[in-house]
Amino acid sequence: MRRAVVFFLSAIVGAAQAAPPPHPAAHPQRAPNELDVLFAALAHTRTPEDAKPIEDQILAHFLSSGSPSVDLLMGRAAAALTGGDKPDARRLLDAVTDVAPAYAEGWHQLGKMQAEAGDDQDAIISLNRAVTLNPRQFEAFEELGGVLLQNEDKKDALRVLRKAVALDPHLDNLDREIEKLSRDVEGEKI
């Protein structure tokens, strides 16, 4: 019996070694997810008006945390902002970043609020975290570029704004700002 098992196992190993490797086509490529499709569509839009509904769909994806608790906190923060209660909105966004530190949109919204309050250093930290966690968050790149520009960091502002436009070519008047910054940072092209 033992010899039969050894023979059987050696036959299986031999057959496996003799079999040709699987053809590359045997492994299907990863299907594009909905965000990939939306970003591809955004890249092919011609006008800001055409881009707007696609941008809105992308931003809705970014808002979805996958956690009902975090989504609830984000909804309450948005309601507080709409109602003019900035201190409550700030507390809620701080709670979001505490309970879900890997949720990019929490950092984005917190950074946006910090920038509006003139808290540039904390805004830079929060917005940097947002784009690190979600390197496709074009609004966070745009806002980070604005804060850097206000702080006279033209070189980094240019780098960040270029990333924003690479993701969404229809961001408001960003091409002109990038062109001006490019002249200031890199000089005139001959």
Protein backbone atom coordinates (compact mmCIF):
# COMPACT_ATOMS: atom_id res chain seq x y z
CA MET A 1 0.00 0.00 0.00
CA ARG A 2 2.76 2.38 0.96
CA ARG A 3 4.53 1.81 -2.38
CA ALA A 4 1.28 2.55 -4.22
CA VAL A 5 0.86 5.89 -2.42
CA VAL A 6 4.49 6.88 -3.11
CA PHE A 7 4.09 5.88 -6.77
CA PHE A 8 0.81 7.82 -7.02
CA LEU A 9 2.33 10.98 -5.45
CA SER A 10 5.44 10.82 -7.65
CA ALA A 11 3.22 10.45 -10.73
CA ILE A 12 1.26 13.58 -9.73
CA VAL A 13 4.44 15.60 -9.08
CA GLY A 14 5.94 14.43 -12.38
CA ALA A 15 2.80 15.39 -14.29
CA ALA A 16 2.72 18.80 -12.64
CA GLN A 17 6.36 19.42 -13.54
CA ALA A 18 5.79 18.32 -17.14
CA ALA A 19 2.70 20.47 -17.63
CA PRO A 20 3.29 23.70 -19.53
CA PRO A 21 2.83 26.94 -17.60
CA PRO A 22 -0.62 28.48 -17.92
CA HIS A 23 -1.13 30.80 -20.86
CA PRO A 24 -1.18 34.49 -19.83
CA ALA A 25 -4.65 34.84 -21.33
CA ALA A 26 -5.86 32.23 -18.86
CA HIS A 27 -5.70 34.90 -16.14
CA PRO A 28 -8.27 37.59 -16.87
CA GLN A 29 -7.18 41.16 -16.29
CA ARG A 30 -8.76 43.05 -13.45
CA ALA A 31 -11.98 44.61 -14.63
CA PRO A 32 -12.05 48.37 -14.23
CA ASN A 33 -14.03 49.49 -11.22
CA GLU A 34 -16.64 52.23 -11.34
CA LEU A 35 -14.16 54.94 -10.28
CA ASP A 36 -11.76 53.94 -13.08
CA VAL A 37 -14.61 54.26 -15.57
CA LEU A 38 -15.67 57.64 -14.16
CA PHE A 39 -12.13 59.03 -14.27
CA ALA A 40 -11.74 57.82 -17.86
CA ALA A 41 -15.00 59.55 -18.77
CA LEU A 42 -13.88 62.72 -16.96
CA ALA A 43 -10.66 62.80 -18.97
CA HIS A 44 -12.67 62.77 -22.20
CA THR A 45 -15.12 65.54 -21.35
CA ARG A 46 -14.84 68.74 -23.37
CA THR A 47 -16.38 71.37 -21.11
CA PRO A 48 -16.72 72.04 -17.38
CA GLU A 49 -20.48 71.61 -17.80
CA ASP A 50 -19.96 68.10 -19.21
CA ALA A 51 -17.50 67.31 -16.42
CA LYS A 52 -19.70 68.45 -13.52
CA PRO A 53 -22.03 65.40 -13.27
CA ILE A 54 -19.05 63.05 -13.49
CA GLU A 55 -17.17 65.02 -10.84
CA ASP A 56 -20.24 64.80 -8.60
CA GLN A 57 -20.39 61.01 -9.00
CA ILE A 58 -16.69 60.69 -8.19
CA LEU A 59 -17.03 62.89 -5.12
CA ALA A 60 -20.01 60.82 -3.96
CA HIS A 61 -17.77 57.73 -4.15
CA PHE A 62 -15.14 59.49 -2.08
CA LEU A 63 -17.72 60.40 0.58
CA SER A 64 -18.82 56.80 1.06
CA SER A 65 -16.74 55.43 3.92
CA GLY A 66 -18.15 51.93 4.07
CA SER A 67 -19.01 52.51 7.72
CA PRO A 68 -22.54 53.54 8.70
CA SER A 69 -21.19 55.25 11.83
CA VAL A 70 -18.66 57.33 9.91
CA ASP A 71 -21.22 58.17 7.22
CA LEU A 72 -23.59 59.32 9.98
CA LEU A 73 -20.91 61.55 11.53
CA MET A 74 -20.06 62.99 8.11
CA GLY A 75 -23.74 63.70 7.42
CA ARG A 76 -24.09 65.46 10.77
CA ALA A 77 -20.92 67.49 10.11
CA ALA A 78 -22.31 68.58 6.73
CA ALA A 79 -25.65 69.51 8.36
CA ALA A 80 -23.83 71.49 11.06
CA LEU A 81 -21.87 73.39 8.40
CA THR A 82 -25.03 74.08 6.43
CA GLY A 83 -26.65 75.35 9.62
CA GLY A 84 -23.67 77.61 10.35
CA ASP A 85 -22.52 75.66 13.42
CA LYS A 86 -18.81 75.49 12.61
CA PRO A 87 -17.67 74.47 16.13
CA ASP A 88 -20.00 71.45 16.07
CA ALA A 89 -18.93 70.56 12.52
CA ARG A 90 -15.30 70.74 13.62
CA ARG A 91 -15.93 68.45 16.61
CA LEU A 92 -17.69 65.95 14.35
CA LEU A 93 -14.89 65.99 11.77
CA ASP A 94 -12.31 65.54 14.54
CA ALA A 95 -14.34 62.52 15.70
CA VAL A 96 -14.35 61.13 12.15
CA THR A 97 -10.57 61.38 11.84
CA ASP A 98 -10.17 59.81 15.30
CA VAL A 99 -12.40 56.79 14.66
CA ALA A 100 -11.50 56.37 10.97
CA PRO A 101 -7.95 57.66 10.44
CA ALA A 102 -7.69 55.84 7.08
CA TYR A 103 -10.80 57.58 5.69
CA ALA A 104 -9.42 60.22 3.31
CA GLU A 105 -12.59 62.27 3.02
CA GLY A 106 -12.65 62.95 6.76
CA TRP A 107 -9.19 64.50 6.48
CA HIS A 108 -10.19 66.37 3.33
CA GLN A 109 -13.24 67.98 4.92
CA LEU A 110 -11.28 68.77 8.10
CA GLY A 111 -8.46 70.33 6.06
CA LYS A 112 -10.92 72.36 4.03
CA MET A 113 -12.49 73.69 7.23
CA GLN A 114 -9.06 74.46 8.72
CA ALA A 115 -8.06 76.35 5.58
CA GLU A 116 -11.26 78.41 5.67
CA ALA A 117 -10.52 79.27 9.31
CA GLY A 118 -7.00 80.45 8.40
CA ASP A 119 -5.35 77.52 10.21
CA ASP A 120 -2.96 76.95 7.31
CA GLN A 121 -0.44 74.68 9.03
CA ASP A 122 -3.07 72.21 10.23
CA ALA A 123 -4.85 72.49 6.86
CA ILE A 124 -1.64 71.52 5.05
CA ILE A 125 -1.23 68.50 7.34
CA SER A 126 -4.85 67.37 6.96
CA LEU A 127 -4.98 67.91 3.18
CA ASN A 128 -1.64 66.12 2.74
CA ARG A 129 -3.05 63.18 4.67
CA ALA A 130 -6.18 63.24 2.49
CA VAL A 131 -4.21 63.06 -0.78
CA THR A 132 -1.88 60.44 0.64
CA LEU A 133 -4.85 58.24 1.54
CA ASN A 134 -6.68 59.04 -1.71
CA PRO A 135 -4.27 60.10 -4.46
CA ARG A 136 -7.23 60.77 -6.78
CA GLN A 137 -8.90 63.41 -4.57
CA PHE A 138 -8.58 66.29 -7.03
CA GLU A 139 -10.44 68.77 -4.81
CA ALA A 140 -8.04 68.14 -1.91
CA PHE A 141 -5.07 68.65 -4.27
CA GLU A 142 -6.61 71.92 -5.49
CA GLU A 143 -7.27 73.14 -1.93
CA LEU A 144 -3.79 72.10 -0.78
CA GLY A 145 -2.31 74.03 -3.71
CA GLY A 146 -4.28 77.09 -2.69
CA VAL A 147 -3.06 76.93 0.91
CA LEU A 148 0.55 76.43 -0.23
CA LEU A 149 0.22 79.39 -2.58
CA GLN A 150 -1.09 81.59 0.24
CA ASN A 151 2.02 80.62 2.18
CA GLU A 152 4.28 81.61 -0.75
CA ASP A 153 5.34 78.01 -1.42
CA LYS A 154 4.99 78.42 -5.17
CA LYS A 155 7.09 75.40 -6.14
CA ASP A 156 5.02 72.91 -4.09
CA ALA A 157 1.79 74.70 -5.03
CA LEU A 158 2.63 74.25 -8.71
CA ARG A 159 3.42 70.55 -8.21
CA VAL A 160 0.16 69.93 -6.33
CA LEU A 161 -2.02 71.95 -8.72
CA ARG A 162 -0.57 70.03 -11.67
CA LYS A 163 -1.67 66.81 -9.96
CA ALA A 164 -5.16 68.24 -9.49
CA VAL A 165 -5.47 69.15 -13.18
CA ALA A 166 -4.06 65.78 -14.26
CA LEU A 167 -6.94 64.15 -12.37
CA ASP A 168 -9.63 66.65 -13.42
CA PRO A 169 -8.77 68.84 -16.41
CA HIS A 170 -11.84 71.03 -15.84
CA LEU A 171 -11.11 72.49 -12.41
CA ASP A 172 -12.04 76.20 -12.31
CA ASN A 173 -9.41 78.43 -13.91
CA LEU A 174 -6.60 76.19 -12.73
CA ASP A 175 -4.88 76.20 -16.12
CA ARG A 176 -4.28 79.95 -15.89
CA GLU A 177 -3.01 79.69 -12.33
CA ILE A 178 -0.64 76.86 -13.28
CA GLU A 179 0.62 78.82 -16.29
CA LYS A 180 1.36 81.87 -14.11
CA LEU A 181 2.99 79.76 -11.39
CA SER A 182 5.00 77.90 -13.98
CA ARG A 183 6.46 81.20 -15.24
CA ASP A 184 7.21 82.30 -11.67
CA VAL A 185 8.83 78.99 -10.65
CA GLU A 186 10.38 77.71 -13.87
CA GLY A 187 10.83 80.93 -15.83
CA GLU A 188 9.77 81.75 -19.37
CA LYS A 189 10.15 79.00 -21.95
CA ILE A 190 12.09 79.87 -25.04
